[in-house]
Protein backbone atom coordinates (compact mmCIF):
# COMPACT_ATOMS: atom_id res chain seq x y z
CA UNK A 1 -5.92 159.02 13.40
CA UNK A 2 -7.74 158.03 10.27
CA UNK A 3 -8.06 160.76 7.64
CA UNK A 4 -11.85 160.60 7.82
CA UNK A 5 -11.70 161.30 11.59
CA UNK A 6 -9.35 164.31 11.41
CA UNK A 7 -10.97 167.44 12.76
CA UNK A 8 -11.24 170.23 10.18
CA UNK A 9 -11.14 173.79 11.34
CA UNK A 10 -13.92 174.66 8.93
CA UNK A 11 -16.24 172.46 6.91
CA UNK A 12 -18.11 174.16 4.06
CA UNK A 13 -21.21 172.51 2.61
CA UNK A 14 -22.16 173.81 -0.83
CA UNK A 15 -19.75 174.60 -3.66
CA UNK A 16 -21.59 177.51 -5.21
CA UNK A 17 -20.20 181.01 -5.16
CA UNK A 18 -21.01 181.53 -1.44
CA UNK A 19 -19.28 178.29 -0.43
CA UNK A 20 -16.26 178.87 -2.69
CA UNK A 21 -15.82 182.39 -1.29
CA UNK A 22 -16.05 181.14 2.30
CA UNK A 23 -13.56 178.38 1.66
CA UNK A 24 -11.11 180.72 -0.08
CA UNK A 25 -11.03 183.30 2.67
CA UNK A 26 -10.94 180.70 5.44
CA UNK A 27 -7.98 179.06 3.73
CA UNK A 28 -6.28 182.41 3.25
CA UNK A 29 -6.49 182.88 7.03
CA UNK A 30 -4.49 179.67 7.44
CA UNK A 31 -7.32 177.37 8.48
CA UNK A 32 -7.85 173.77 7.34
CA UNK A 33 -10.92 173.64 5.12
CA UNK A 34 -12.98 170.73 3.73
CA UNK A 35 -15.64 171.65 1.11
CA UNK A 36 -18.49 169.37 -0.03
CA UNK A 37 -20.48 169.80 -3.24
CA UNK A 38 -23.19 167.39 -4.33
CA UNK A 39 -22.62 168.02 -8.04
CA UNK A 40 -19.60 167.16 -10.20
CA UNK A 41 -18.85 170.82 -11.00
CA UNK A 42 -18.50 173.75 -8.61
CA UNK A 43 -20.16 177.13 -9.06
CA UNK A 44 -23.88 176.47 -8.68
CA UNK A 45 -25.77 179.06 -10.70
CA UNK A 46 -22.57 180.62 -11.94
CA UNK A 47 -20.92 178.43 -14.54
CA UNK A 48 -20.32 177.52 -18.13
CA UNK A 49 -20.21 174.34 -20.20
CA UNK A 50 -19.27 173.39 -23.78
CA UNK A 51 -21.38 171.60 -26.34
CA UNK A 52 -20.62 171.13 -30.04
CA UNK A 53 -18.11 173.99 -30.12
CA UNK A 54 -20.33 176.49 -28.23
CA UNK A 55 -19.71 177.74 -24.74
CA UNK A 56 -22.95 178.22 -22.79
CA UNK A 57 -23.54 179.98 -19.46
CA UNK A 58 -25.73 178.42 -16.80
CA UNK A 59 -27.61 180.56 -14.31
CA UNK A 60 -26.47 184.17 -14.49
CA UNK A 61 -25.62 185.62 -17.92
CA UNK A 62 -23.58 188.58 -16.71
CA UNK A 63 -22.11 189.77 -13.42
CA UNK A 64 -23.04 192.87 -11.38
CA UNK A 65 -19.90 194.11 -9.73
CA UNK A 66 -21.80 195.99 -7.01
CA UNK A 67 -18.52 197.06 -5.42
CA UNK A 68 -18.01 193.43 -4.41
CA UNK A 69 -16.73 191.15 -7.22
CA UNK A 70 -13.61 193.11 -8.25
CA UNK A 71 -12.60 193.90 -4.63
CA UNK A 72 -13.00 190.23 -3.73
CA UNK A 73 -10.77 189.13 -6.59
CA UNK A 74 -8.24 191.83 -5.83
CA UNK A 75 -7.99 190.82 -2.21
CA UNK A 76 -7.25 187.21 -3.26
CA UNK A 77 -4.89 188.41 -6.03
CA UNK A 78 -6.94 186.63 -8.68
CA UNK A 79 -6.80 188.18 -12.13
CA UNK A 80 -9.78 187.78 -14.48
CA UNK A 81 -10.23 189.57 -17.78
CA UNK A 82 -13.61 191.25 -17.80
CA UNK A 83 -15.34 193.04 -20.62
CA UNK A 84 -18.36 195.35 -20.38
CA UNK A 85 -21.64 193.61 -21.00
CA UNK A 86 -23.91 196.39 -22.36
CA UNK A 87 -27.64 195.89 -22.33
CA UNK A 88 -30.42 196.56 -24.83
CA UNK A 89 -34.10 196.87 -24.11
CA UNK A 90 -36.77 196.36 -26.75
CA UNK A 91 -40.54 196.25 -27.27
CA UNK A 92 -41.89 194.83 -30.54
CA UNK A 93 -39.95 196.61 -33.35
CA UNK A 94 -38.16 199.23 -31.25
CA UNK A 95 -34.85 198.49 -29.50
CA UNK A 96 -32.62 200.91 -27.55
CA UNK A 97 -29.19 200.54 -26.00
CA UNK A 98 -28.70 201.01 -22.25
CA UNK A 99 -25.07 202.02 -22.09
CA UNK A 100 -25.17 205.32 -20.16
CA UNK A 101 -27.50 207.49 -18.17
CA UNK A 102 -28.22 209.43 -21.32
CA UNK A 103 -30.21 206.44 -22.56
CA UNK A 104 -32.92 207.17 -20.00
CA UNK A 105 -34.21 209.64 -22.57
CA UNK A 106 -34.27 206.87 -25.15
CA UNK A 107 -36.16 204.68 -22.72
CA UNK A 108 -38.72 207.37 -22.16
CA UNK A 109 -39.20 207.73 -25.91
CA UNK A 110 -39.57 203.95 -26.22
CA UNK A 111 -42.32 203.83 -23.61
CA UNK A 112 -44.10 206.90 -25.07
CA UNK A 113 -44.01 205.28 -28.52
CA UNK A 114 -46.17 202.41 -27.27
CA UNK A 115 -48.14 204.20 -24.55
CA UNK A 116 -48.74 207.70 -25.96
CA UNK A 117 -51.76 208.30 -23.71
CA UNK A 118 -49.64 207.78 -20.56
CA UNK A 119 -46.84 210.33 -21.04
CA UNK A 120 -47.37 211.88 -17.65
CA UNK A 121 -47.35 208.47 -15.97
CA UNK A 122 -44.10 207.61 -17.78
CA UNK A 123 -42.59 210.87 -16.58
CA UNK A 124 -43.48 210.02 -12.94
CA UNK A 125 -42.03 206.50 -13.27
CA UNK A 126 -38.77 207.73 -14.75
CA UNK A 127 -38.51 210.40 -12.04
CA UNK A 128 -38.58 207.51 -9.51
CA UNK A 129 -35.95 205.67 -11.53
CA UNK A 130 -33.64 208.72 -11.45
CA UNK A 131 -34.08 209.06 -7.67
CA UNK A 132 -33.26 205.40 -7.20
CA UNK A 133 -30.18 205.76 -9.41
CA UNK A 134 -28.88 208.46 -7.03
CA UNK A 135 -29.41 206.07 -4.10
CA UNK A 136 -27.56 203.36 -6.01
CA UNK A 137 -24.62 205.70 -6.56
CA UNK A 138 -24.29 205.85 -2.78
CA UNK A 139 -25.07 202.23 -2.01
CA UNK A 140 -22.41 200.87 -4.41
CA UNK A 141 -20.32 204.02 -4.52
CA UNK A 142 -17.22 202.45 -2.85
CA UNK A 143 -15.41 199.19 -2.95
CA UNK A 144 -17.05 197.08 -0.21
CA UNK A 145 -15.04 197.50 3.02
CA UNK A 146 -15.45 193.81 3.88
CA UNK A 147 -12.68 193.07 1.34
CA UNK A 148 -10.34 195.81 2.53
CA UNK A 149 -7.48 195.57 5.04
CA UNK A 150 -8.63 198.64 6.96
CA UNK A 151 -5.80 198.85 9.51
CA UNK A 152 -3.24 199.00 6.65
CA UNK A 153 -5.24 200.92 4.04
CA UNK A 154 -5.49 204.19 5.92
CA UNK A 155 -6.08 206.20 2.76
CA UNK A 156 -9.21 204.17 1.94
CA UNK A 157 -10.39 204.32 5.55
CA UNK A 158 -10.18 208.05 6.06
CA UNK A 159 -10.66 209.42 2.54
CA UNK A 160 -13.23 206.98 1.19
CA UNK A 161 -14.99 204.85 3.81
CA UNK A 162 -15.61 207.34 6.65
CA UNK A 163 -17.09 210.07 4.35
CA UNK A 164 -19.21 207.37 2.67
CA UNK A 165 -20.68 205.96 5.87
CA UNK A 166 -22.70 209.11 6.56
CA UNK A 167 -24.13 209.13 3.07
CA UNK A 168 -24.92 205.45 3.34
CA UNK A 169 -26.83 205.83 6.61
CA UNK A 170 -28.92 208.67 5.14
CA UNK A 171 -29.59 206.74 1.98
CA UNK A 172 -30.42 203.38 3.49
CA UNK A 173 -33.36 204.89 5.30
CA UNK A 174 -34.75 206.18 2.04
CA UNK A 175 -34.23 202.79 0.45
CA UNK A 176 -36.05 201.00 3.26
CA UNK A 177 -39.06 203.25 2.75
CA UNK A 178 -39.37 201.99 -0.81
CA UNK A 179 -39.95 198.35 0.17
CA UNK A 180 -43.55 197.95 -1.07
CA UNK A 181 -43.97 195.60 -4.09
CA UNK A 182 -43.05 197.28 -7.35
CA UNK A 183 -46.48 196.47 -8.78
CA UNK A 184 -48.11 198.57 -6.02
CA UNK A 185 -45.63 201.40 -6.47
CA UNK A 186 -46.25 201.53 -10.22
CA UNK A 187 -50.04 201.33 -9.70
CA UNK A 188 -49.79 204.51 -7.63
CA UNK A 189 -48.01 206.21 -10.55
CA UNK A 190 -50.14 204.92 -13.43
CA UNK A 191 -53.57 203.45 -14.11
CA UNK A 192 -52.36 201.73 -17.31
CA UNK A 193 -52.19 197.96 -16.81
CA UNK A 194 -50.03 197.39 -19.91
CA UNK A 195 -47.54 200.10 -18.87
CA UNK A 196 -47.33 198.70 -15.35
CA UNK A 197 -46.74 195.23 -16.83
CA UNK A 198 -44.11 196.30 -19.33
CA UNK A 199 -42.02 197.67 -16.46
CA UNK A 200 -42.82 195.20 -13.68
CA UNK A 201 -42.63 191.92 -15.60
CA UNK A 202 -38.86 192.31 -15.79
CA UNK A 203 -38.77 191.38 -12.14
CA UNK A 204 -39.66 188.74 -9.58
CA UNK A 205 -43.19 188.79 -8.15
CA UNK A 206 -43.52 191.45 -5.40
CA UNK A 207 -39.95 192.67 -5.84
CA UNK A 208 -39.43 195.67 -3.55
CA UNK A 209 -39.80 198.89 -5.52
CA UNK A 210 -36.30 200.07 -4.78
CA UNK A 211 -34.73 196.89 -6.11
CA UNK A 212 -36.89 196.88 -9.23
CA UNK A 213 -36.53 200.55 -10.11
CA UNK A 214 -32.76 200.27 -9.68
CA UNK A 215 -32.53 198.13 -12.79
CA UNK A 216 -31.26 200.95 -14.99
CA UNK A 217 -28.24 201.34 -12.67
CA UNK A 218 -27.71 197.56 -12.55
CA UNK A 219 -27.69 197.31 -16.34
CA UNK A 220 -24.88 199.87 -16.50
CA UNK A 221 -22.90 197.73 -14.03
CA UNK A 222 -22.91 194.48 -16.00
CA UNK A 223 -19.56 192.86 -16.74
CA UNK A 224 -18.65 189.54 -18.31
CA UNK A 225 -15.56 187.33 -17.94
CA UNK A 226 -13.79 186.39 -21.17
CA UNK A 227 -14.39 182.68 -21.58
CA UNK A 228 -17.81 182.73 -19.94
CA UNK A 229 -19.22 183.10 -16.47
CA UNK A 230 -17.67 179.78 -15.45
CA UNK A 231 -14.28 181.45 -15.40
CA UNK A 232 -15.14 183.00 -12.03
CA UNK A 233 -15.88 179.82 -10.01
CA UNK A 234 -12.99 178.02 -11.72
CA UNK A 235 -10.62 180.79 -10.61
CA UNK A 236 -11.88 180.52 -7.04
CA UNK A 237 -11.61 176.74 -7.10
CA UNK A 238 -8.03 177.01 -8.29
CA UNK A 239 -7.26 179.42 -5.48
CA UNK A 240 -8.83 177.10 -2.89
CA UNK A 241 -6.86 174.08 -4.10
CA UNK A 242 -3.63 176.10 -4.12
CA UNK A 243 -4.25 176.96 -0.47
CA UNK A 244 -4.84 173.36 0.55
CA UNK A 245 -8.65 173.27 0.62
CA UNK A 246 -9.87 169.67 0.28
CA UNK A 247 -12.75 169.61 -2.20
CA UNK A 248 -15.09 166.62 -2.47
CA UNK A 249 -17.55 166.81 -5.31
CA UNK A 250 -20.48 164.42 -5.96
CA UNK A 251 -20.82 164.14 -2.21
CA UNK A 252 -24.04 164.82 -0.31
CA UNK A 253 -24.23 165.63 3.38
CA UNK A 254 -27.15 163.71 4.85
CA UNK A 255 -26.90 164.32 8.61
CA UNK A 256 -25.61 167.05 10.88
CA UNK A 257 -24.95 166.63 14.60
CA UNK A 258 -24.18 170.02 16.23
CA UNK A 259 -23.54 168.41 19.65
CA UNK A 260 -20.77 166.19 18.31
CA UNK A 261 -19.85 168.84 15.67
CA UNK A 262 -20.00 166.30 12.83
CA UNK A 263 -21.54 165.97 9.38
CA UNK A 264 -22.19 162.63 7.72
CA UNK A 265 -22.21 161.74 4.03
CA UNK A 266 -24.97 159.60 2.57
CA UNK A 267 -22.69 156.55 2.81
CA UNK A 268 -22.28 157.11 6.54
CA UNK A 269 -18.78 158.57 6.51
CA UNK A 270 -18.50 161.11 9.38
CA UNK A 271 -16.43 164.28 9.36
CA UNK A 272 -15.69 166.44 12.39
CA UNK A 273 -15.52 170.21 12.35
CA UNK A 274 -14.79 173.12 14.64
CA UNK A 275 -16.94 175.46 12.59
CA UNK A 276 -19.48 174.62 9.91
CA UNK A 277 -20.43 177.03 7.07
CA UNK A 278 -23.63 175.92 5.37
CA UNK A 279 -23.76 177.40 1.86
CA UNK A 280 -26.31 175.04 0.39
CA UNK A 281 -30.10 174.92 0.55
CA UNK A 282 -31.11 175.94 4.03
CA UNK A 283 -34.07 173.51 4.30
CA UNK A 284 -31.60 170.69 3.74
CA UNK A 285 -29.57 171.77 6.78
CA UNK A 286 -32.51 171.85 9.15
CA UNK A 287 -33.87 168.57 7.77
CA UNK A 288 -30.47 166.98 8.41
CA UNK A 289 -30.40 167.97 12.08
CA UNK A 290 -30.92 165.44 14.88
CA UNK A 291 -33.04 167.53 17.23
CA UNK A 292 -32.77 164.96 19.97
CA UNK A 293 -29.00 165.44 20.06
CA UNK A 294 -29.33 169.13 20.91
CA UNK A 295 -28.58 169.51 24.61
CA UNK A 296 -30.71 172.54 25.38
CA UNK A 297 -34.52 172.46 25.32
CA UNK A 298 -34.83 176.11 24.37
CA UNK A 299 -32.39 175.57 21.48
CA UNK A 300 -34.43 172.56 20.28
CA UNK A 301 -37.59 174.66 20.31
CA UNK A 302 -35.85 177.51 18.46
CA UNK A 303 -34.59 175.11 15.79
CA UNK A 304 -38.00 173.52 15.54
CA UNK A 305 -39.62 176.93 14.91
CA UNK A 306 -36.99 177.80 12.40
CA UNK A 307 -37.55 174.53 10.57
CA UNK A 308 -41.30 175.15 10.41
CA UNK A 309 -40.74 178.66 8.99
CA UNK A 310 -38.41 177.34 6.27
CA UNK A 311 -40.79 174.50 5.33
CA UNK A 312 -43.60 177.05 5.01
CA UNK A 313 -41.58 179.52 2.96
CA UNK A 314 -41.22 179.66 -0.80
CA UNK A 315 -38.12 180.13 -2.90
CA UNK A 316 -37.91 183.00 -5.33
CA UNK A 317 -39.13 182.82 -8.90
CA UNK A 318 -37.44 180.40 -11.27
CA UNK A 319 -36.79 180.45 -15.02
CA UNK A 320 -37.14 178.42 -18.20
CA UNK A 321 -33.97 178.64 -20.23
CA UNK A 322 -33.85 177.80 -23.96
CA UNK A 323 -30.46 177.27 -25.64
CA UNK A 324 -30.30 177.73 -29.40
CA UNK A 325 -27.32 177.08 -31.66
CA UNK A 326 -28.05 178.81 -34.98
CA UNK A 327 -26.40 179.13 -38.43
CA UNK A 328 -26.46 182.94 -38.41
CA UNK A 329 -23.47 185.27 -38.15
CA UNK A 330 -23.12 187.12 -34.81
CA UNK A 331 -23.04 190.38 -36.75
CA UNK A 332 -26.71 189.85 -37.75
CA UNK A 333 -27.67 189.83 -34.10
CA UNK A 334 -25.25 192.66 -33.24
CA UNK A 335 -27.08 194.89 -35.73
CA UNK A 336 -30.22 194.46 -33.59
CA UNK A 337 -29.03 194.56 -30.01
CA UNK A 338 -26.22 194.24 -27.53
CA UNK A 339 -25.23 190.84 -26.20
CA UNK A 340 -27.52 191.17 -23.16
CA UNK A 341 -31.02 191.90 -24.36
CA UNK A 342 -34.32 192.35 -22.49
CA UNK A 343 -37.08 191.99 -25.07
CA UNK A 344 -40.90 192.08 -24.94
CA UNK A 345 -42.61 190.91 -28.17
CA UNK A 346 -45.97 192.50 -27.30
CA UNK A 347 -46.82 195.90 -25.84
CA UNK A 348 -49.93 194.28 -24.33
CA UNK A 349 -48.10 192.91 -21.30
CA UNK A 350 -49.19 189.91 -19.32
CA UNK A 351 -52.38 191.43 -17.93
CA UNK A 352 -54.43 190.31 -14.97
CA UNK A 353 -56.24 187.48 -16.80
CA UNK A 354 -53.00 185.55 -17.43
CA UNK A 355 -52.04 185.87 -13.79
CA UNK A 356 -55.45 184.77 -12.58
CA UNK A 357 -55.42 181.78 -14.86
CA UNK A 358 -52.12 180.67 -13.45
CA UNK A 359 -53.44 180.97 -9.91
CA UNK A 360 -56.38 178.76 -10.95
CA UNK A 361 -54.07 176.15 -12.46
CA UNK A 362 -51.83 176.05 -9.39
CA UNK A 363 -54.85 175.63 -7.14
CA UNK A 364 -55.97 172.54 -9.12
CA UNK A 365 -52.74 170.59 -9.56
CA UNK A 366 -54.42 167.45 -8.26
CA UNK A 367 -56.12 167.29 -11.65
CA UNK A 368 -52.83 167.52 -13.57
CA UNK A 369 -53.26 164.05 -15.02
CA UNK A 370 -56.46 164.94 -16.82
CA UNK A 371 -56.64 165.96 -20.45
CA UNK A 372 -58.71 169.05 -19.59
CA UNK A 373 -56.09 170.34 -17.16
CA UNK A 374 -53.31 169.71 -19.65
CA UNK A 375 -55.13 171.63 -22.41
CA UNK A 376 -55.75 174.59 -20.07
CA UNK A 377 -52.11 174.60 -19.00
CA UNK A 378 -50.83 174.49 -22.58
CA UNK A 379 -53.15 177.33 -23.59
CA UNK A 380 -51.83 179.34 -20.63
CA UNK A 381 -48.18 178.69 -21.63
CA UNK A 382 -48.86 179.99 -25.16
CA UNK A 383 -50.46 183.20 -23.90
CA UNK A 384 -47.92 183.69 -21.15
CA UNK A 385 -44.85 183.43 -23.41
CA UNK A 386 -46.37 185.47 -26.23
CA UNK A 387 -46.85 188.45 -23.87
CA UNK A 388 -43.92 188.15 -21.49
CA UNK A 389 -40.46 189.67 -21.31
CA UNK A 390 -37.39 187.62 -22.25
CA UNK A 391 -33.81 187.94 -21.13
CA UNK A 392 -31.67 187.04 -24.13
CA UNK A 393 -27.96 186.42 -23.76
CA UNK A 394 -25.68 186.18 -26.83
CA UNK A 395 -22.27 185.08 -25.53
CA UNK A 396 -20.47 185.50 -28.85
CA UNK A 397 -21.26 189.24 -28.85
CA UNK A 398 -19.29 189.49 -25.60
CA UNK A 399 -16.50 187.08 -26.52
CA UNK A 400 -16.35 185.85 -30.16
CA UNK A 401 -14.50 182.70 -29.11
CA UNK A 402 -17.61 181.29 -27.45
CA UNK A 403 -19.19 180.16 -30.76
CA UNK A 404 -17.81 178.54 -33.92
CA UNK A 405 -17.10 180.91 -36.81
CA UNK A 406 -20.28 182.01 -38.60
CA UNK A 407 -22.56 180.63 -35.89
CA UNK A 408 -24.26 182.16 -32.84
CA UNK A 409 -25.56 180.81 -29.57
CA UNK A 410 -28.66 182.30 -27.97
CA UNK A 411 -29.78 181.76 -24.40
CA UNK A 412 -33.40 182.85 -23.88
CA UNK A 413 -34.80 183.08 -20.35
CA UNK A 414 -38.34 183.61 -19.19
CA UNK A 415 -39.71 183.42 -15.64
CA UNK A 416 -41.54 180.13 -15.17
CA UNK A 417 -43.49 178.38 -12.44
CA UNK A 418 -41.85 175.47 -10.62
CA UNK A 419 -45.26 174.24 -9.43
CA UNK A 420 -46.59 174.00 -12.97
CA UNK A 421 -43.59 171.97 -14.05
CA UNK A 422 -44.07 169.73 -11.05
CA UNK A 423 -47.73 169.26 -11.95
CA UNK A 424 -46.75 168.39 -15.54
CA UNK A 425 -44.27 165.79 -14.27
CA UNK A 426 -46.93 164.28 -12.00
CA UNK A 427 -49.36 164.28 -14.90
CA UNK A 428 -46.89 162.56 -17.28
CA UNK A 429 -46.54 165.42 -19.79
CA UNK A 430 -43.43 167.24 -18.50
CA UNK A 431 -41.31 166.60 -21.64
CA UNK A 432 -44.20 167.78 -23.81
CA UNK A 433 -44.39 170.96 -21.70
CA UNK A 434 -40.71 171.58 -22.31
CA UNK A 435 -41.10 171.15 -26.03
CA UNK A 436 -44.12 173.45 -26.06
CA UNK A 437 -42.30 176.21 -24.17
CA UNK A 438 -39.31 175.91 -26.51
CA UNK A 439 -41.56 176.18 -29.56
CA UNK A 440 -43.46 179.18 -28.15
CA UNK A 441 -40.25 181.04 -27.44
CA UNK A 442 -38.94 180.40 -30.94
CA UNK A 443 -42.26 181.36 -32.49
CA UNK A 444 -42.42 184.62 -30.49
CA UNK A 445 -38.89 185.60 -31.52
CA UNK A 446 -39.32 184.60 -35.15
CA UNK A 447 -42.54 186.57 -35.48
CA UNK A 448 -40.89 189.72 -34.12
CA UNK A 449 -37.22 190.45 -33.67
CA UNK A 450 -35.55 187.38 -35.32
CA UNK A 451 -37.35 186.54 -38.60
CA UNK A 452 -36.12 183.23 -40.07
CA UNK A 453 -34.84 182.01 -36.72
CA UNK A 454 -36.45 178.58 -36.74
CA UNK A 455 -34.90 177.45 -40.03
CA UNK A 456 -31.44 178.46 -38.76
CA UNK A 457 -31.63 176.38 -35.54
CA UNK A 458 -29.17 173.47 -35.59
CA UNK A 459 -29.34 172.50 -31.95
CA UNK A 460 -31.73 173.29 -29.11
CA UNK A 461 -32.23 172.20 -25.53
CA UNK A 462 -33.69 173.65 -22.37
CA UNK A 463 -33.57 173.75 -18.57
CA UNK A 464 -36.68 174.17 -16.41
CA UNK A 465 -37.21 175.09 -12.75
CA UNK A 466 -37.11 171.37 -12.03
CA UNK A 467 -33.65 171.19 -13.63
CA UNK A 468 -32.45 173.96 -11.36
CA UNK A 469 -33.92 172.37 -8.27
CA UNK A 470 -32.27 169.05 -9.14
CA UNK A 471 -28.80 170.34 -9.99
CA UNK A 472 -28.45 173.37 -7.71
CA UNK A 473 -30.66 172.12 -4.94
CA UNK A 474 -32.45 175.42 -4.32
CA UNK A 475 -36.00 175.38 -2.98
CA UNK A 476 -38.55 175.50 -5.87
CA UNK A 477 -35.67 176.05 -8.30
CA UNK A 478 -35.18 179.56 -6.88
CA UNK A 479 -32.50 181.63 -8.59
CA UNK A 480 -31.85 184.39 -6.01
CA UNK A 481 -32.97 183.12 -2.61
CA UNK A 482 -36.32 183.47 -0.93
CA UNK A 483 -39.47 184.88 -2.51
CA UNK A 484 -40.61 188.40 -1.70
CA UNK A 485 -44.17 186.99 -1.48
CA UNK A 486 -43.52 185.18 1.81
CA UNK A 487 -45.57 186.61 4.66
CA UNK A 488 -42.47 186.35 6.92
CA UNK A 489 -39.15 186.49 5.13
CA UNK A 490 -36.93 183.64 6.32
CA UNK A 491 -33.71 185.56 5.68
CA UNK A 492 -32.13 188.91 6.40
CA UNK A 493 -33.13 191.45 3.80
CA UNK A 494 -31.69 194.85 4.80
CA UNK A 495 -28.18 195.88 3.88
CA UNK A 496 -27.51 197.46 7.27
CA UNK A 497 -28.14 194.05 8.82
CA UNK A 498 -25.94 192.07 6.46
CA UNK A 499 -23.58 190.94 9.24
CA UNK A 500 -26.50 189.07 10.85
CA UNK A 501 -27.18 187.23 7.62
CA UNK A 502 -24.57 184.59 8.37
CA UNK A 503 -25.74 183.71 11.90
CA UNK A 504 -27.80 180.71 12.91
CA UNK A 505 -29.10 179.67 16.33
CA UNK A 506 -27.13 176.42 15.98
CA UNK A 507 -23.82 176.45 17.88
CA UNK A 508 -20.73 176.69 15.69
CA UNK A 509 -22.84 176.71 12.49
CA UNK A 510 -22.88 179.69 10.08
CA UNK A 511 -24.74 180.14 6.85
CA UNK A 512 -23.88 181.86 3.56
CA UNK A 513 -25.86 182.79 0.48
CA UNK A 514 -29.16 183.21 2.35
CA UNK A 515 -30.80 186.49 1.44
CA UNK A 516 -33.96 188.24 0.24
CA UNK A 517 -33.45 191.66 -1.32
CA UNK A 518 -31.11 193.70 -3.47
CA UNK A 519 -28.37 193.00 -4.46
CA UNK A 520 -29.28 189.29 -4.02
CA UNK A 521 -27.75 186.83 -6.49
CA UNK A 522 -24.02 186.67 -7.03
CA UNK A 523 -22.91 189.80 -5.11
CA UNK A 524 -24.63 188.77 -1.91
CA UNK A 525 -23.39 185.19 -2.25
CA UNK A 526 -19.85 186.47 -2.34
CA UNK A 527 -20.34 188.99 0.44
CA UNK A 528 -22.01 186.53 2.84
CA UNK A 529 -19.42 183.88 1.99
CA UNK A 530 -16.71 186.29 3.08
CA UNK A 531 -18.65 187.31 6.23
CA UNK A 532 -19.19 183.68 7.16
CA UNK A 533 -15.51 182.89 6.75
CA UNK A 534 -14.53 185.90 8.86
CA UNK A 535 -16.98 184.90 11.60
CA UNK A 536 -15.72 181.31 11.57
CA UNK A 537 -12.09 182.36 11.75
CA UNK A 538 -12.78 184.80 14.60
CA UNK A 539 -14.63 182.07 16.47
CA UNK A 540 -11.62 179.77 16.19
CA UNK A 541 -9.31 182.25 17.81
């Protein structure tokens, strides 16, 4: 039989963290695995690259263990050297560390410094934060049992897991009752628009209140691999190859036939599978299906409805990422903040006007080629960046080897609209939009926390939501899954239902990495990758 026609036990489509995890655990179970990734490098939104002596992270800037990452690595006997990645939070000229629960008092003082007329509101908000932190202690209070060998680890089963389950069931109900958008929750606690903004603009639009108000706990959980975030996917790739996983990069899957249990590359090459784990963009899977080949009419209708829901749904928020290589010692930055820094240059916050103006722009994208539209959009970008919150990562403060001696690399993120970038591309001014956003970010930082920054810049480049959509393949350049603004969420979003997150209505097809809710991102990619592998292996028995 020709190699191309050999039946694989499990085919995995998508070489991000969900796909790598699924492939690793399927291979560990002794199954033959073939993994496809459309890009040259594996890892998706978790990776690193080198440029002119600097190591830069793509996607995530630190890892949240969440009781998942370390147990996953331990179960695969993969050793990675992690360091703590402490966070700082700042507004204008005041910056505080977030390194322990004691810093909640510092955070309160920070907010009261800028919003002295809202002290009672701030007290109510922080009381909610403390409540959520207690819930988080339960939610992530144990190593996730999915990565444990429960029949053999009796100590963990009886002394850790069983006592925890009762606490988890009580807590998860409280968590689910805090699912209204954080903006609405904060509005019930304060009438101050700037205060509401200064808290909520850290997060995705309509983020559930529990997820958003858990950020203080999440910041305390950040870790960072020595060598950059790309160390993690490279370690998993190495494990997969050592276990015989066949990995094909720069290969797109264009067609899926569930009846024949085959996938086809763009060049027409067909591969047969017993189980398929789809860990790539979910729209791409349903667009690749041949509905006519499905044998059951009810199944065809179910798939058709699912396809329509996915096409109508929106991916989560995306980001604009600016990379700056500067001739300034890392110690200069260390005197201001930790290596993971959430900074807002203006106490004013975004305000309702900026949001309304964006809605107006997005409603009129058909005029994107006109000079008037372009001027309005550029004016909006200037106001938006000047009043927004930035996530700043400084890799050399976590691992000094990631920048040349005497130099520092900065990665500055700000939420950004995919649709506006798409309008700029259609209007012919996309590259100018990128340059404008870069300049606005540099100007905002130089006028506030980093005086003299512009003169020290020796190299700069940026990635937009369009860059993410092109390289990672996620809908609308989404960075954690599906948007909380969708009227109907197209993915599982409750932790007690996580086992259902890997199911599809398509026979012998599982999915991984599809999620909407905390913990989202990397932890849920790993968790659903493991669950998909387990389900596939069980099905093969």
